[in-house]
Amino acid sequence: VLERANLTGILFQMRQGAPLTTSLVARLVEPAPKSVDEVVDRLCEAMAVRYDKDKRALLANACEKAGGLKALGQWMPAIKVARAMCQLVLASPEYQLC
Protein backbone atom coordinates (compact mmCIF):
# COMPACT_ATOMS: atom_id res chain seq x y z
CA VAL A 1 0.00 0.00 0.00
CA LEU A 2 2.79 2.42 0.85
CA GLU A 3 4.46 1.81 -2.51
CA ARG A 4 1.21 2.61 -4.31
CA ALA A 5 0.79 5.77 -2.23
CA ASN A 6 4.31 6.89 -3.18
CA LEU A 7 3.55 6.25 -6.84
CA THR A 8 1.72 9.58 -7.02
CA GLY A 9 5.04 11.36 -6.60
CA ILE A 10 6.28 9.67 -9.75
CA LEU A 11 3.08 9.98 -11.77
CA PHE A 12 2.16 13.53 -10.79
CA GLN A 13 4.98 15.80 -11.69
CA MET A 14 4.46 19.30 -10.40
CA ARG A 15 4.74 20.94 -13.79
CA GLN A 16 2.43 21.77 -16.63
CA GLY A 17 2.86 19.50 -19.63
CA ALA A 18 3.42 16.20 -17.80
CA PRO A 19 1.04 13.87 -19.71
CA LEU A 20 -0.83 12.19 -16.83
CA THR A 21 -0.95 15.38 -14.83
CA THR A 22 -2.30 17.41 -17.74
CA SER A 23 -4.93 14.83 -18.64
CA LEU A 24 -6.30 14.31 -15.15
CA VAL A 25 -6.22 17.94 -14.06
CA ALA A 26 -8.06 18.93 -17.24
CA ARG A 27 -10.81 16.44 -16.41
CA LEU A 28 -11.13 17.86 -12.90
CA VAL A 29 -11.24 21.54 -13.84
CA GLU A 30 -13.04 21.75 -17.21
CA PRO A 31 -15.78 22.79 -17.13
CA ALA A 32 -15.42 24.47 -13.74
CA PRO A 33 -16.92 22.19 -11.07
CA LYS A 34 -19.73 23.56 -8.94
CA SER A 35 -18.93 21.46 -5.86
CA VAL A 36 -16.26 19.31 -4.28
CA ASP A 37 -18.57 16.33 -4.77
CA GLU A 38 -18.45 16.99 -8.50
CA VAL A 39 -14.63 16.93 -8.35
CA VAL A 40 -14.81 13.58 -6.52
CA ASP A 41 -17.20 12.24 -9.18
CA ARG A 42 -14.86 13.29 -11.98
CA LEU A 43 -11.82 11.76 -10.29
CA CYS A 44 -13.61 8.47 -9.64
CA GLU A 45 -14.78 8.34 -13.24
CA ALA A 46 -11.32 9.14 -14.59
CA MET A 47 -9.68 6.49 -12.43
CA ALA A 48 -12.51 3.94 -12.86
CA VAL A 49 -13.18 3.45 -9.15
CA ARG A 50 -16.38 3.23 -7.13
CA TYR A 51 -16.37 4.20 -3.48
CA ASP A 52 -18.94 4.21 -0.71
CA LYS A 53 -19.95 7.49 0.89
CA ASP A 54 -17.28 7.25 3.61
CA LYS A 55 -14.40 6.93 1.14
CA ARG A 56 -15.91 9.61 -1.06
CA ALA A 57 -15.94 11.85 2.01
CA LEU A 58 -12.22 11.17 2.49
CA LEU A 59 -11.58 12.22 -1.11
CA ALA A 60 -13.67 15.37 -0.61
CA ASN A 61 -11.70 16.15 2.55
CA ALA A 62 -8.40 15.67 0.69
CA CYS A 63 -9.65 18.04 -2.01
CA GLU A 64 -10.58 20.69 0.55
CA LYS A 65 -7.30 20.36 2.46
CA ALA A 66 -5.33 20.76 -0.78
CA GLY A 67 -7.16 23.98 -1.65
CA GLY A 68 -10.66 22.99 -2.73
CA LEU A 69 -12.55 24.53 -5.61
CA LYS A 70 -10.62 27.79 -5.41
CA ALA A 71 -7.36 25.93 -6.10
CA LEU A 72 -8.77 24.43 -9.29
CA GLY A 73 -8.69 27.82 -10.97
CA GLN A 74 -4.87 27.83 -11.24
CA TRP A 75 -2.60 25.17 -12.70
CA MET A 76 -0.13 24.45 -9.87
CA PRO A 77 -2.71 24.47 -7.07
CA ALA A 78 -4.95 22.21 -9.21
CA ILE A 79 -2.08 19.72 -9.56
CA LYS A 80 -1.76 19.73 -5.77
CA VAL A 81 -5.46 18.90 -5.43
CA ALA A 82 -5.29 16.11 -8.00
CA ARG A 83 -2.18 14.66 -6.42
CA ALA A 84 -3.66 14.66 -2.91
CA MET A 85 -6.81 12.91 -4.07
CA CYS A 86 -5.01 10.42 -6.30
CA GLN A 87 -2.70 9.43 -3.50
CA LEU A 88 -5.73 8.16 -1.58
CA VAL A 89 -7.11 6.35 -4.61
CA LEU A 90 -3.84 4.63 -5.46
CA ALA A 91 -3.36 3.55 -1.84
CA SER A 92 -6.86 2.11 -1.52
CA PRO A 93 -7.51 -1.63 -1.68
CA GLU A 94 -10.22 -1.00 -4.29
CA TYR A 95 -7.70 0.32 -6.76
CA GLN A 96 -5.57 -2.33 -8.39
CA LEU A 97 -2.61 -1.60 -10.65
CA CYS A 98 -2.42 -4.39 -13.20
C-alpha atoms as a PDB file:
ATOM      1  CA  VAL A   1       0.000   0.000   0.000  1.00  0.00           C
ATOM      2  CA  LEU A   2       2.793   2.419   0.852  1.00  0.00           C
ATOM      3  CA  GLU A   3       4.457   1.810  -2.508  1.00  0.00           C
ATOM      4  CA  ARG A   4       1.207   2.606  -4.310  1.00  0.00           C
ATOM      5  CA  ALA A   5       0.795   5.775  -2.234  1.00  0.00           C
ATOM      6  CA  ASN A   6       4.310   6.886  -3.178  1.00  0.00           C
ATOM      7  CA  LEU A   7       3.546   6.250  -6.838  1.00  0.00           C
ATOM      8  CA  THR A   8       1.717   9.575  -7.024  1.00  0.00           C
ATOM      9  CA  GLY A   9       5.041  11.355  -6.604  1.00  0.00           C
ATOM     10  CA  ILE A  10       6.282   9.674  -9.747  1.00  0.00           C
ATOM     11  CA  LEU A  11       3.079   9.983 -11.767  1.00  0.00           C
ATOM     12  CA  PHE A  12       2.155  13.534 -10.791  1.00  0.00           C
ATOM     13  CA  GLN A  13       4.979  15.802 -11.689  1.00  0.00           C
ATOM     14  CA  MET A  14       4.461  19.301 -10.398  1.00  0.00           C
ATOM     15  CA  ARG A  15       4.740  20.937 -13.792  1.00  0.00           C
ATOM     16  CA  GLN A  16       2.430  21.767 -16.633  1.00  0.00           C
ATOM     17  CA  GLY A  17       2.862  19.503 -19.626  1.00  0.00           C
ATOM     18  CA  ALA A  18       3.417  16.204 -17.802  1.00  0.00           C
ATOM     19  CA  PRO A  19       1.038  13.870 -19.708  1.00  0.00           C
ATOM     20  CA  LEU A  20      -0.826  12.193 -16.825  1.00  0.00           C
ATOM     21  CA  THR A  21      -0.951  15.384 -14.830  1.00  0.00           C
ATOM     22  CA  THR A  22      -2.296  17.408 -17.745  1.00  0.00           C
ATOM     23  CA  SER A  23      -4.933  14.828 -18.639  1.00  0.00           C
ATOM     24  CA  LEU A  24      -6.300  14.310 -15.151  1.00  0.00           C
ATOM     25  CA  VAL A  25      -6.223  17.936 -14.061  1.00  0.00           C
ATOM     26  CA  ALA A  26      -8.059  18.928 -17.242  1.00  0.00           C
ATOM     27  CA  ARG A  27     -10.815  16.442 -16.406  1.00  0.00           C
ATOM     28  CA  LEU A  28     -11.129  17.859 -12.904  1.00  0.00           C
ATOM     29  CA  VAL A  29     -11.243  21.544 -13.844  1.00  0.00           C
ATOM     30  CA  GLU A  30     -13.036  21.751 -17.215  1.00  0.00           C
ATOM     31  CA  PRO A  31     -15.779  22.792 -17.132  1.00  0.00           C
ATOM     32  CA  ALA A  32     -15.419  24.469 -13.743  1.00  0.00           C
ATOM     33  CA  PRO A  33     -16.923  22.186 -11.073  1.00  0.00           C
ATOM     34  CA  LYS A  34     -19.729  23.562  -8.937  1.00  0.00           C
ATOM     35  CA  SER A  35     -18.929  21.456  -5.861  1.00  0.00           C
ATOM     36  CA  VAL A  36     -16.258  19.311  -4.279  1.00  0.00           C
ATOM     37  CA  ASP A  37     -18.569  16.328  -4.775  1.00  0.00           C
ATOM     38  CA  GLU A  38     -18.449  16.990  -8.504  1.00  0.00           C
ATOM     39  CA  VAL A  39     -14.630  16.928  -8.348  1.00  0.00           C
ATOM     40  CA  VAL A  40     -14.808  13.580  -6.523  1.00  0.00           C
ATOM     41  CA  ASP A  41     -17.203  12.240  -9.175  1.00  0.00           C
ATOM     42  CA  ARG A  42     -14.865  13.291 -11.975  1.00  0.00           C
ATOM     43  CA  LEU A  43     -11.819  11.758 -10.294  1.00  0.00           C
ATOM     44  CA  CYS A  44     -13.605   8.468  -9.641  1.00  0.00           C
ATOM     45  CA  GLU A  45     -14.776   8.340 -13.242  1.00  0.00           C
ATOM     46  CA  ALA A  46     -11.317   9.144 -14.590  1.00  0.00           C
ATOM     47  CA  MET A  47      -9.680   6.487 -12.429  1.00  0.00           C
ATOM     48  CA  ALA A  48     -12.506   3.944 -12.865  1.00  0.00           C
ATOM     49  CA  VAL A  49     -13.184   3.447  -9.150  1.00  0.00           C
ATOM     50  CA  ARG A  50     -16.380   3.231  -7.131  1.00  0.00           C
ATOM     51  CA  TYR A  51     -16.375   4.195  -3.484  1.00  0.00           C
ATOM     52  CA  ASP A  52     -18.941   4.212  -0.715  1.00  0.00           C
ATOM     53  CA  LYS A  53     -19.953   7.495   0.887  1.00  0.00           C
ATOM     54  CA  ASP A  54     -17.276   7.251   3.606  1.00  0.00           C
ATOM     55  CA  LYS A  55     -14.404   6.926   1.138  1.00  0.00           C
ATOM     56  CA  ARG A  56     -15.908   9.606  -1.060  1.00  0.00           C
ATOM     57  CA  ALA A  57     -15.939  11.854   2.014  1.00  0.00           C
ATOM     58  CA  LEU A  58     -12.217  11.166   2.491  1.00  0.00           C
ATOM     59  CA  LEU A  59     -11.584  12.224  -1.107  1.00  0.00           C
ATOM     60  CA  ALA A  60     -13.671  15.368  -0.612  1.00  0.00           C
ATOM     61  CA  ASN A  61     -11.704  16.150   2.547  1.00  0.00           C
ATOM     62  CA  ALA A  62      -8.402  15.671   0.690  1.00  0.00           C
ATOM     63  CA  CYS A  63      -9.647  18.037  -2.014  1.00  0.00           C
ATOM     64  CA  GLU A  64     -10.583  20.688   0.549  1.00  0.00           C
ATOM     65  CA  LYS A  65      -7.301  20.361   2.460  1.00  0.00           C
ATOM     66  CA  ALA A  66      -5.328  20.756  -0.778  1.00  0.00           C
ATOM     67  CA  GLY A  67      -7.156  23.975  -1.654  1.00  0.00           C
ATOM     68  CA  GLY A  68     -10.659  22.990  -2.728  1.00  0.00           C
ATOM     69  CA  LEU A  69     -12.555  24.534  -5.608  1.00  0.00           C
ATOM     70  CA  LYS A  70     -10.620  27.786  -5.409  1.00  0.00           C
ATOM     71  CA  ALA A  71      -7.362  25.926  -6.104  1.00  0.00           C
ATOM     72  CA  LEU A  72      -8.769  24.428  -9.289  1.00  0.00           C
ATOM     73  CA  GLY A  73      -8.687  27.823 -10.968  1.00  0.00           C
ATOM     74  CA  GLN A  74      -4.872  27.826 -11.241  1.00  0.00           C
ATOM     75  CA  TRP A  75      -2.605  25.171 -12.697  1.00  0.00           C
ATOM     76  CA  MET A  76      -0.132  24.455  -9.872  1.00  0.00           C
ATOM     77  CA  PRO A  77      -2.710  24.466  -7.073  1.00  0.00           C
ATOM     78  CA  ALA A  78      -4.949  22.211  -9.214  1.00  0.00           C
ATOM     79  CA  ILE A  79      -2.080  19.724  -9.556  1.00  0.00           C
ATOM     80  CA  LYS A  80      -1.765  19.727  -5.770  1.00  0.00           C
ATOM     81  CA  VAL A  81      -5.464  18.903  -5.426  1.00  0.00           C
ATOM     82  CA  ALA A  82      -5.292  16.109  -8.002  1.00  0.00           C
ATOM     83  CA  ARG A  83      -2.179  14.660  -6.418  1.00  0.00           C
ATOM     84  CA  ALA A  84      -3.659  14.658  -2.906  1.00  0.00           C
ATOM     85  CA  MET A  85      -6.814  12.910  -4.070  1.00  0.00           C
ATOM     86  CA  CYS A  86      -5.014  10.415  -6.302  1.00  0.00           C
ATOM     87  CA  GLN A  87      -2.698   9.427  -3.498  1.00  0.00           C
ATOM     88  CA  LEU A  88      -5.727   8.161  -1.584  1.00  0.00           C
ATOM     89  CA  VAL A  89      -7.109   6.353  -4.614  1.00  0.00           C
ATOM     90  CA  LEU A  90      -3.837   4.626  -5.462  1.00  0.00           C
ATOM     91  CA  ALA A  91      -3.360   3.551  -1.840  1.00  0.00           C
ATOM     92  CA  SER A  92      -6.861   2.112  -1.522  1.00  0.00           C
ATOM     93  CA  PRO A  93      -7.508  -1.625  -1.680  1.00  0.00           C
ATOM     94  CA  GLU A  94     -10.225  -1.004  -4.285  1.00  0.00           C
ATOM     95  CA  TYR A  95      -7.699   0.323  -6.758  1.00  0.00           C
ATOM     96  CA  GLN A  96      -5.566  -2.326  -8.391  1.00  0.00           C
ATOM     97  CA  LEU A  97      -2.614  -1.599 -10.646  1.00  0.00           C
ATOM     98  CA  CYS A  98      -2.415  -4.385 -13.199  1.00  0.00           C
END
